[in-house]
């Protein structure tokens, strides 16, 4: 749960299916504002930062999805971004296969609103894998109180302790629940049954292997 105030907050759910990952995100907010002259992150919107757990090149599969409602008939504005491999602090717009839908509870661009709900589907291929045992994600929302073109009038609200460019701080989940990353790490690692990582080198596989000796030359 990402909370701006007692009455303004985000809750999220996720589901890992055969074809990809699904998210159900609800933003409770007293007013939802959209202005086409503002960028998506400066309108009332949802952001999801997503990767699979355990990928070595996190910058290649760290996807930022952004969705906001544009009217009361289910119209949406959505786009996807990815980290620049040369500069992880920089996000660049990218085009991925994914789908989203939005419903608004109330009347957009008025104070007669209770919030909005976002449903998202991300195929496994978008994340560069066939499937994944766990995913890591960070749901957040942008709270704005007017439809002014002034892009500074917004508050980015994320879950406490999560940082945008630090996937290790994101939520680690699968269909079984939410996990502490360090608790699942050892169960996530799979080794061959004939080798035990214990530092002893006493398995049969080591007996026939060539030993390389290295001598330093001053």
Protein backbone atom coordinates (compact mmCIF):
# COMPACT_ATOMS: atom_id res chain seq x y z
CA UNK A 1 0.00 0.00 0.00
CA UNK A 2 1.32 3.41 -1.04
CA UNK A 3 -0.25 6.17 1.02
CA UNK A 4 -0.40 9.93 0.47
CA UNK A 5 -2.89 10.53 3.29
CA UNK A 6 -5.44 8.52 5.23
CA UNK A 7 -7.96 8.91 2.40
CA UNK A 8 -5.60 8.94 -0.62
CA UNK A 9 -3.72 5.72 -1.26
CA UNK A 10 -2.94 2.88 -3.67
CA UNK A 11 -3.42 -0.86 -3.24
CA UNK A 12 -2.22 -3.51 -5.68
CA UNK A 13 -2.59 -7.18 -6.54
CA UNK A 14 -0.61 -9.35 -8.95
CA UNK A 15 -1.07 -12.71 -10.65
CA UNK A 16 1.47 -14.78 -12.59
CA UNK A 17 -0.30 -16.68 -15.34
CA UNK A 18 0.81 -18.98 -18.13
CA UNK A 19 1.16 -16.14 -20.64
CA UNK A 20 2.39 -13.35 -18.41
CA UNK A 21 1.96 -11.15 -15.35
CA UNK A 22 -1.26 -9.37 -14.39
CA UNK A 23 -1.72 -6.40 -12.06
CA UNK A 24 -4.85 -5.02 -10.44
CA UNK A 25 -4.25 -1.57 -8.98
CA UNK A 26 -6.75 0.67 -7.21
CA UNK A 27 -6.13 4.32 -6.39
CA UNK A 28 -8.41 5.89 -3.82
CA UNK A 29 -8.39 9.64 -4.44
CA UNK A 30 -10.89 12.47 -3.99
CA UNK A 31 -10.20 13.92 -7.44
CA UNK A 32 -8.76 12.58 -10.70
CA UNK A 33 -7.35 15.14 -13.12
CA UNK A 34 -6.17 14.82 -16.73
CA UNK A 35 -4.83 17.50 -19.06
CA UNK A 36 -3.50 16.42 -22.50
CA UNK A 37 -0.94 19.22 -22.39
CA UNK A 38 0.80 17.61 -19.42
CA UNK A 39 3.08 14.58 -19.46
CA UNK A 40 1.60 11.31 -18.23
CA UNK A 41 3.48 11.40 -14.93
CA UNK A 42 2.03 14.87 -14.21
CA UNK A 43 -1.55 13.65 -14.55
CA UNK A 44 -3.40 11.40 -12.11
CA UNK A 45 -1.74 8.12 -13.02
CA UNK A 46 -0.29 4.78 -11.94
CA UNK A 47 3.31 3.68 -12.42
CA UNK A 48 4.60 0.11 -12.17
CA UNK A 49 8.31 -0.64 -12.11
CA UNK A 50 8.78 -4.31 -13.00
CA UNK A 51 11.46 -6.96 -13.43
CA UNK A 52 11.89 -10.66 -12.84
CA UNK A 53 13.72 -11.76 -9.71
CA UNK A 54 17.33 -12.85 -10.11
CA UNK A 55 18.13 -11.40 -13.53
CA UNK A 56 21.80 -10.47 -13.86
CA UNK A 57 21.32 -7.57 -16.30
CA UNK A 58 18.61 -5.76 -14.39
CA UNK A 59 18.88 -2.67 -16.59
CA UNK A 60 17.72 -4.64 -19.63
CA UNK A 61 14.54 -5.90 -17.98
CA UNK A 62 13.62 -3.06 -15.66
CA UNK A 63 10.40 -1.82 -17.21
CA UNK A 64 8.39 1.24 -16.12
CA UNK A 65 4.72 1.17 -17.16
CA UNK A 66 2.58 4.32 -16.84
CA UNK A 67 -1.21 4.51 -17.13
CA UNK A 68 -3.73 7.30 -16.55
CA UNK A 69 -7.46 7.74 -17.29
CA UNK A 70 -8.37 10.41 -19.83
CA UNK A 71 -12.18 10.39 -19.58
CA UNK A 72 -15.12 8.63 -17.94
CA UNK A 73 -15.57 6.14 -20.78
CA UNK A 74 -12.47 4.06 -20.18
CA UNK A 75 -10.09 6.15 -22.27
CA UNK A 76 -6.48 5.82 -21.21
CA UNK A 77 -3.08 7.32 -21.88
CA UNK A 78 -0.32 4.76 -21.42
CA UNK A 79 3.36 4.42 -22.24
CA UNK A 80 6.37 2.32 -21.26
CA UNK A 81 9.92 3.24 -20.35
CA UNK A 82 13.14 1.35 -19.72
CA UNK A 83 16.36 2.21 -17.95
CA UNK A 84 19.13 3.56 -20.16
CA UNK A 85 21.90 0.90 -19.87
CA UNK A 86 24.52 3.65 -20.04
CA UNK A 87 22.87 5.63 -17.25
CA UNK A 88 20.57 3.72 -14.82
CA UNK A 89 19.29 7.02 -13.44
CA UNK A 90 17.84 7.88 -16.85
CA UNK A 91 14.57 6.41 -18.17
CA UNK A 92 13.93 6.43 -21.92
CA UNK A 93 10.60 5.82 -23.68
CA UNK A 94 10.33 2.35 -25.21
CA UNK A 95 7.62 0.31 -26.87
CA UNK A 96 6.72 -3.07 -25.34
CA UNK A 97 3.93 -5.55 -25.77
CA UNK A 98 1.50 -4.98 -22.91
CA UNK A 99 -2.13 -4.08 -22.34
CA UNK A 100 -4.05 -1.91 -19.86
CA UNK A 101 -7.60 -0.83 -19.06
CA UNK A 102 -9.01 1.77 -16.65
CA UNK A 103 -12.31 2.49 -14.90
CA UNK A 104 -12.99 5.73 -13.03
CA UNK A 105 -15.14 5.78 -9.91
CA UNK A 106 -16.72 9.20 -10.31
CA UNK A 107 -16.36 12.13 -12.71
CA UNK A 108 -12.89 12.98 -13.98
CA UNK A 109 -11.57 16.56 -13.59
CA UNK A 110 -13.97 17.24 -10.73
CA UNK A 111 -13.99 16.77 -6.99
CA UNK A 112 -16.81 14.23 -7.44
CA UNK A 113 -14.55 11.23 -7.61
CA UNK A 114 -13.47 8.30 -5.47
CA UNK A 115 -10.52 7.17 -7.56
CA UNK A 116 -9.76 4.78 -10.41
CA UNK A 117 -8.83 1.16 -11.07
CA UNK A 118 -6.15 -0.08 -13.47
CA UNK A 119 -5.77 -3.60 -14.90
CA UNK A 120 -2.48 -4.45 -16.64
CA UNK A 121 -1.17 -7.48 -18.55
CA UNK A 122 2.54 -7.91 -19.36
CA UNK A 123 3.57 -10.95 -21.49
CA UNK A 124 6.57 -12.95 -20.31
CA UNK A 125 8.31 -12.15 -23.59
CA UNK A 126 8.31 -8.47 -22.68
CA UNK A 127 10.39 -9.36 -19.62
CA UNK A 128 12.77 -11.46 -21.71
CA UNK A 129 11.86 -14.82 -20.13
CA UNK A 130 9.55 -17.79 -20.79
CA UNK A 131 8.30 -17.67 -17.21
CA UNK A 132 9.59 -16.67 -13.78
CA UNK A 133 9.19 -18.13 -10.31
CA UNK A 134 9.16 -14.67 -8.73
CA UNK A 135 8.77 -11.11 -9.95
CA UNK A 136 9.85 -7.85 -8.37
CA UNK A 137 7.75 -4.75 -8.78
CA UNK A 138 7.15 -1.32 -7.31
CA UNK A 139 3.64 0.18 -7.69
CA UNK A 140 3.22 3.94 -7.26
CA UNK A 141 0.81 6.70 -8.21
CA UNK A 142 0.86 10.39 -9.07
CA UNK A 143 -1.49 12.56 -7.05
CA UNK A 144 -2.54 15.91 -8.58
CA UNK A 145 -5.22 18.30 -7.41
CA UNK A 146 -5.83 20.46 -10.50
CA UNK A 147 -5.75 20.23 -14.30
CA UNK A 148 -3.27 23.10 -14.48
CA UNK A 149 -0.54 22.93 -17.14
CA UNK A 150 1.96 23.55 -14.34
CA UNK A 151 3.73 20.18 -14.26
CA UNK A 152 5.18 20.79 -10.79
CA UNK A 153 1.78 20.34 -9.16
CA UNK A 154 1.99 16.62 -8.53
CA UNK A 155 3.13 14.27 -5.76
CA UNK A 156 4.75 10.92 -6.61
CA UNK A 157 3.61 8.41 -3.99
CA UNK A 158 5.35 5.06 -3.64
CA UNK A 159 5.57 2.36 -1.00
CA UNK A 160 7.78 3.34 1.91
CA UNK A 161 11.26 1.86 1.59
CA UNK A 162 11.06 1.30 -2.18
CA UNK A 163 13.34 3.30 -4.47
CA UNK A 164 12.75 3.67 -8.21
CA UNK A 165 16.26 2.79 -9.37
CA UNK A 166 16.94 0.09 -6.75
CA UNK A 167 15.07 -3.12 -7.74
CA UNK A 168 16.41 -4.84 -4.61
CA UNK A 169 14.06 -2.61 -2.59
CA UNK A 170 10.94 -3.55 -4.58
CA UNK A 171 8.27 -6.08 -3.58
CA UNK A 172 9.16 -9.70 -4.36
CA UNK A 173 6.05 -11.79 -5.08
CA UNK A 174 4.53 -14.83 -6.72
CA UNK A 175 1.03 -16.30 -6.54
CA UNK A 176 1.80 -17.59 -3.06
CA UNK A 177 2.31 -14.19 -1.50
CA UNK A 178 4.85 -11.47 -0.72
CA UNK A 179 8.38 -12.48 0.25
CA UNK A 180 11.48 -11.09 1.87
CA UNK A 181 14.11 -11.21 -0.87
CA UNK A 182 16.79 -12.58 1.44
CA UNK A 183 14.51 -15.32 2.78
CA UNK A 184 13.82 -16.76 -0.66
CA UNK A 185 17.28 -16.37 -2.15
CA UNK A 186 18.64 -19.74 -1.03
CA UNK A 187 15.50 -21.60 -2.13
CA UNK A 188 15.58 -19.81 -5.48
CA UNK A 189 19.10 -20.99 -6.31
CA UNK A 190 19.09 -24.44 -7.94
CA UNK A 191 22.30 -26.50 -8.14
CA UNK A 192 23.03 -29.94 -9.59
CA UNK A 193 22.31 -32.74 -7.07
CA UNK A 194 25.87 -34.11 -7.32
CA UNK A 195 27.38 -30.85 -6.07
CA UNK A 196 26.91 -29.27 -2.65
CA UNK A 197 28.20 -25.72 -2.23
CA UNK A 198 29.93 -26.20 1.12
CA UNK A 199 33.52 -25.18 0.38
CA UNK A 200 34.95 -28.72 0.81
CA UNK A 201 35.46 -29.87 -2.82
CA UNK A 202 34.94 -33.50 -1.76
CA UNK A 203 32.40 -34.51 -4.45
CA UNK A 204 33.40 -36.96 -7.17
CA UNK A 205 33.02 -34.33 -9.89
CA UNK A 206 36.11 -32.51 -8.61
CA UNK A 207 38.44 -35.54 -8.65
CA UNK A 208 38.92 -35.71 -12.43
CA UNK A 209 38.99 -31.98 -13.10
CA UNK A 210 42.15 -30.20 -14.10
CA UNK A 211 43.73 -27.99 -11.46
CA UNK A 212 45.16 -24.72 -12.66
CA UNK A 213 48.10 -23.30 -10.77
CA UNK A 214 48.87 -19.64 -11.00
CA UNK A 215 52.18 -18.15 -9.97
CA UNK A 216 52.74 -14.46 -9.73
CA UNK A 217 55.76 -13.10 -11.54
CA UNK A 218 57.23 -10.00 -9.92
